[in-house]
Amino acid sequence: MDERAQAFVAQAARDLGDDAGLGIPELLRRVNAYLHSEAASLFVMDLSTNELVLAYAASPGTEKLLGLRVPLGQGVVGWVVKYSEDLIVPSTALDTRFFSGIDEQTGFVTRSILCVPVARAGRVLGAIEALNKATGHFNDEDVLLLQEIAALIAEHLATE
């Protein structure tokens, strides 16, 4: 990661660790701004149902979707959690893993996705995703940044 990205992650770590500081929704808003994406969200695994639950989101109109459940393996986020692999989808129209059901519920149009697993101690807890990069395409530097943010979130979730 370049110096700017390292500084962003370091500040996020300080703010997330501060009891009176940053929470996950604000962190997702900052990730949106940094990556120039339209939306970011965090899905967490519900082991009792084997589903992913939309726990946090930073985009217009997503508040009503919090609690939405996605079966493990469904959609890009379900694939990322199932296989514990990062994924860049440059065009959702060309990727069969994309599940359009959430877009249909919200009216949001997802064109591209960057998604990475959130894991701690070898166990996948969920996934974080960024949608629709406004400038260019998601790239390897974006993956590295989101991996670091996912690690911070995993530590934060472990202490909640």
Protein backbone atom coordinates (compact mmCIF):
# COMPACT_ATOMS: atom_id res chain seq x y z
CA MET A 1 0.00 0.00 0.00
CA ASP A 2 1.16 3.52 -0.64
CA GLU A 3 1.72 6.06 2.16
CA ARG A 4 -1.71 7.64 1.76
CA ALA A 5 -3.46 4.27 2.13
CA GLN A 6 -1.28 3.35 5.11
CA ALA A 7 -2.14 6.65 6.79
CA PHE A 8 -5.85 6.06 6.11
CA VAL A 9 -5.72 2.59 7.70
CA ALA A 10 -3.66 3.81 10.66
CA GLN A 11 -6.15 6.61 11.35
CA ALA A 12 -9.07 4.20 11.01
CA ALA A 13 -7.40 1.85 13.52
CA ARG A 14 -6.93 4.68 16.01
CA ASP A 15 -10.48 5.95 15.56
CA LEU A 16 -12.09 2.51 15.69
CA GLY A 17 -10.17 1.65 18.85
CA ASP A 18 -11.20 4.86 20.60
CA ASP A 19 -14.31 4.24 22.73
CA ALA A 20 -15.75 7.65 21.89
CA GLY A 21 -14.60 7.53 18.29
CA LEU A 22 -15.44 6.03 15.00
CA GLY A 23 -18.02 3.26 14.60
CA ILE A 24 -18.37 0.86 11.71
CA PRO A 25 -21.00 2.95 9.85
CA GLU A 26 -18.67 5.99 9.85
CA LEU A 27 -15.74 3.80 8.83
CA LEU A 28 -17.78 2.54 5.86
CA ARG A 29 -18.57 6.14 4.88
CA ARG A 30 -14.86 6.95 4.99
CA VAL A 31 -14.04 3.87 2.90
CA ASN A 32 -16.59 5.07 0.32
CA ALA A 33 -14.93 8.47 0.16
CA TYR A 34 -11.42 7.02 -0.01
CA LEU A 35 -12.24 4.45 -2.73
CA HIS A 36 -14.58 6.82 -4.60
CA SER A 37 -17.30 4.19 -4.40
CA GLU A 38 -21.05 4.77 -4.21
CA ALA A 39 -21.76 2.31 -1.40
CA ALA A 40 -20.09 0.09 1.16
CA SER A 41 -21.56 -2.57 3.38
CA LEU A 42 -20.68 -5.17 5.96
CA PHE A 43 -22.37 -8.55 6.08
CA VAL A 44 -21.83 -10.77 9.13
CA MET A 45 -22.29 -14.52 9.31
CA ASP A 46 -25.19 -15.91 11.35
CA LEU A 47 -23.92 -19.40 12.15
CA SER A 48 -27.29 -20.55 13.46
CA THR A 49 -28.91 -20.11 10.02
CA ASN A 50 -25.86 -20.26 7.72
CA GLU A 51 -26.84 -16.87 6.32
CA LEU A 52 -25.15 -13.51 5.92
CA VAL A 53 -26.87 -10.57 7.57
CA LEU A 54 -26.48 -7.00 6.34
CA ALA A 55 -25.25 -5.43 9.57
CA TYR A 56 -23.96 -2.04 8.41
CA ALA A 57 -24.25 -0.02 5.23
CA ALA A 58 -23.10 3.36 4.01
CA SER A 59 -25.16 4.46 1.07
CA PRO A 60 -28.40 6.33 0.53
CA GLY A 61 -31.55 4.39 1.38
CA THR A 62 -29.88 1.30 2.79
CA GLU A 63 -31.03 1.79 6.37
CA LYS A 64 -34.25 -0.06 5.56
CA LEU A 65 -32.22 -3.04 4.31
CA LEU A 66 -30.30 -3.60 7.53
CA GLY A 67 -31.02 -7.13 8.70
CA LEU A 68 -31.42 -8.42 5.13
CA ARG A 69 -30.34 -12.07 4.93
CA VAL A 70 -28.42 -13.72 2.12
CA PRO A 71 -27.80 -17.49 2.03
CA LEU A 72 -24.16 -18.56 2.19
CA GLY A 73 -22.91 -18.88 -1.37
CA GLN A 74 -25.53 -16.55 -2.92
CA GLY A 75 -24.37 -13.45 -4.70
CA VAL A 76 -20.87 -12.03 -4.67
CA VAL A 77 -20.83 -11.55 -0.90
CA GLY A 78 -22.01 -15.11 -0.30
CA TRP A 79 -19.36 -16.45 -2.68
CA VAL A 80 -16.60 -14.44 -0.97
CA VAL A 81 -17.59 -15.78 2.45
CA LYS A 82 -18.06 -19.35 1.26
CA TYR A 83 -14.65 -19.50 -0.43
CA SER A 84 -12.86 -16.95 1.81
CA GLU A 85 -11.43 -15.19 -1.23
CA ASP A 86 -11.24 -11.56 -2.32
CA LEU A 87 -13.17 -10.74 -5.46
CA ILE A 88 -13.28 -7.86 -7.91
CA VAL A 89 -16.28 -7.88 -10.23
CA PRO A 90 -15.63 -5.19 -12.86
CA SER A 91 -19.04 -5.67 -14.47
CA THR A 92 -21.94 -7.29 -12.63
CA ALA A 93 -23.72 -7.77 -15.94
CA LEU A 94 -21.00 -10.24 -16.94
CA ASP A 95 -20.64 -12.17 -13.69
CA THR A 96 -23.01 -15.01 -12.88
CA ARG A 97 -22.23 -14.74 -9.15
CA PHE A 98 -24.02 -11.37 -8.98
CA PHE A 99 -27.43 -11.52 -7.30
CA SER A 100 -29.70 -8.68 -8.46
CA GLY A 101 -32.37 -9.19 -5.80
CA ILE A 102 -31.04 -6.48 -3.50
CA ASP A 103 -30.86 -3.97 -6.37
CA GLU A 104 -34.46 -4.84 -7.23
CA GLN A 105 -35.54 -4.07 -3.65
CA THR A 106 -33.67 -0.76 -3.45
CA GLY A 107 -33.61 0.63 -6.96
CA PHE A 108 -29.82 0.91 -6.60
CA VAL A 109 -27.90 -0.22 -9.69
CA THR A 110 -24.76 -2.17 -8.89
CA ARG A 111 -22.27 -2.04 -11.75
CA SER A 112 -19.03 -3.16 -10.09
CA ILE A 113 -18.05 -4.76 -6.78
CA LEU A 114 -14.99 -5.19 -4.61
CA CYS A 115 -15.58 -7.68 -1.81
CA VAL A 116 -13.20 -9.16 0.78
CA PRO A 117 -13.81 -11.58 3.64
CA VAL A 118 -13.74 -10.39 7.24
CA ALA A 119 -11.89 -13.08 9.16
CA ARG A 120 -10.23 -13.59 12.52
CA ALA A 121 -8.15 -16.54 13.70
CA GLY A 122 -8.87 -18.43 10.48
CA ARG A 123 -12.65 -18.09 10.82
CA VAL A 124 -14.67 -16.04 8.32
CA LEU A 125 -17.03 -13.71 10.18
CA GLY A 126 -18.52 -12.02 7.13
CA ALA A 127 -17.48 -9.75 4.27
CA ILE A 128 -17.10 -6.09 3.44
CA GLU A 129 -17.90 -4.78 0.00
CA ALA A 130 -17.60 -1.55 -1.95
CA LEU A 131 -19.84 -0.89 -4.94
CA ASN A 132 -19.50 1.17 -8.10
CA LYS A 133 -16.12 2.86 -8.13
CA ALA A 134 -16.75 6.28 -9.65
CA THR A 135 -13.27 6.77 -11.08
CA GLY A 136 -11.82 3.88 -13.05
CA HIS A 137 -12.07 0.31 -11.80
CA PHE A 138 -11.37 -1.39 -8.50
CA ASN A 139 -7.75 -2.55 -8.48
CA ASP A 140 -5.20 -4.46 -6.42
CA GLU A 141 -4.41 -1.39 -4.29
CA ASP A 142 -8.11 -1.14 -3.41
CA VAL A 143 -8.08 -4.83 -2.45
CA LEU A 144 -5.11 -4.28 -0.12
CA LEU A 145 -6.83 -1.34 1.55
CA LEU A 146 -10.11 -3.20 2.00
CA GLN A 147 -8.23 -6.22 3.39
CA GLU A 148 -6.70 -3.98 6.07
CA ILE A 149 -10.09 -2.44 6.88
CA ALA A 150 -11.61 -5.93 7.08
CA ALA A 151 -8.91 -6.93 9.58
CA LEU A 152 -9.71 -3.87 11.71
CA ILE A 153 -13.41 -4.68 11.60
CA ALA A 154 -12.75 -8.31 12.56
CA GLU A 155 -10.82 -7.17 15.64
CA HIS A 156 -13.54 -4.65 16.48
CA LEU A 157 -16.30 -7.28 16.18
CA ALA A 158 -14.31 -9.61 18.43
CA THR A 159 -14.28 -6.98 21.20
CA GLU A 160 -17.96 -6.03 20.99
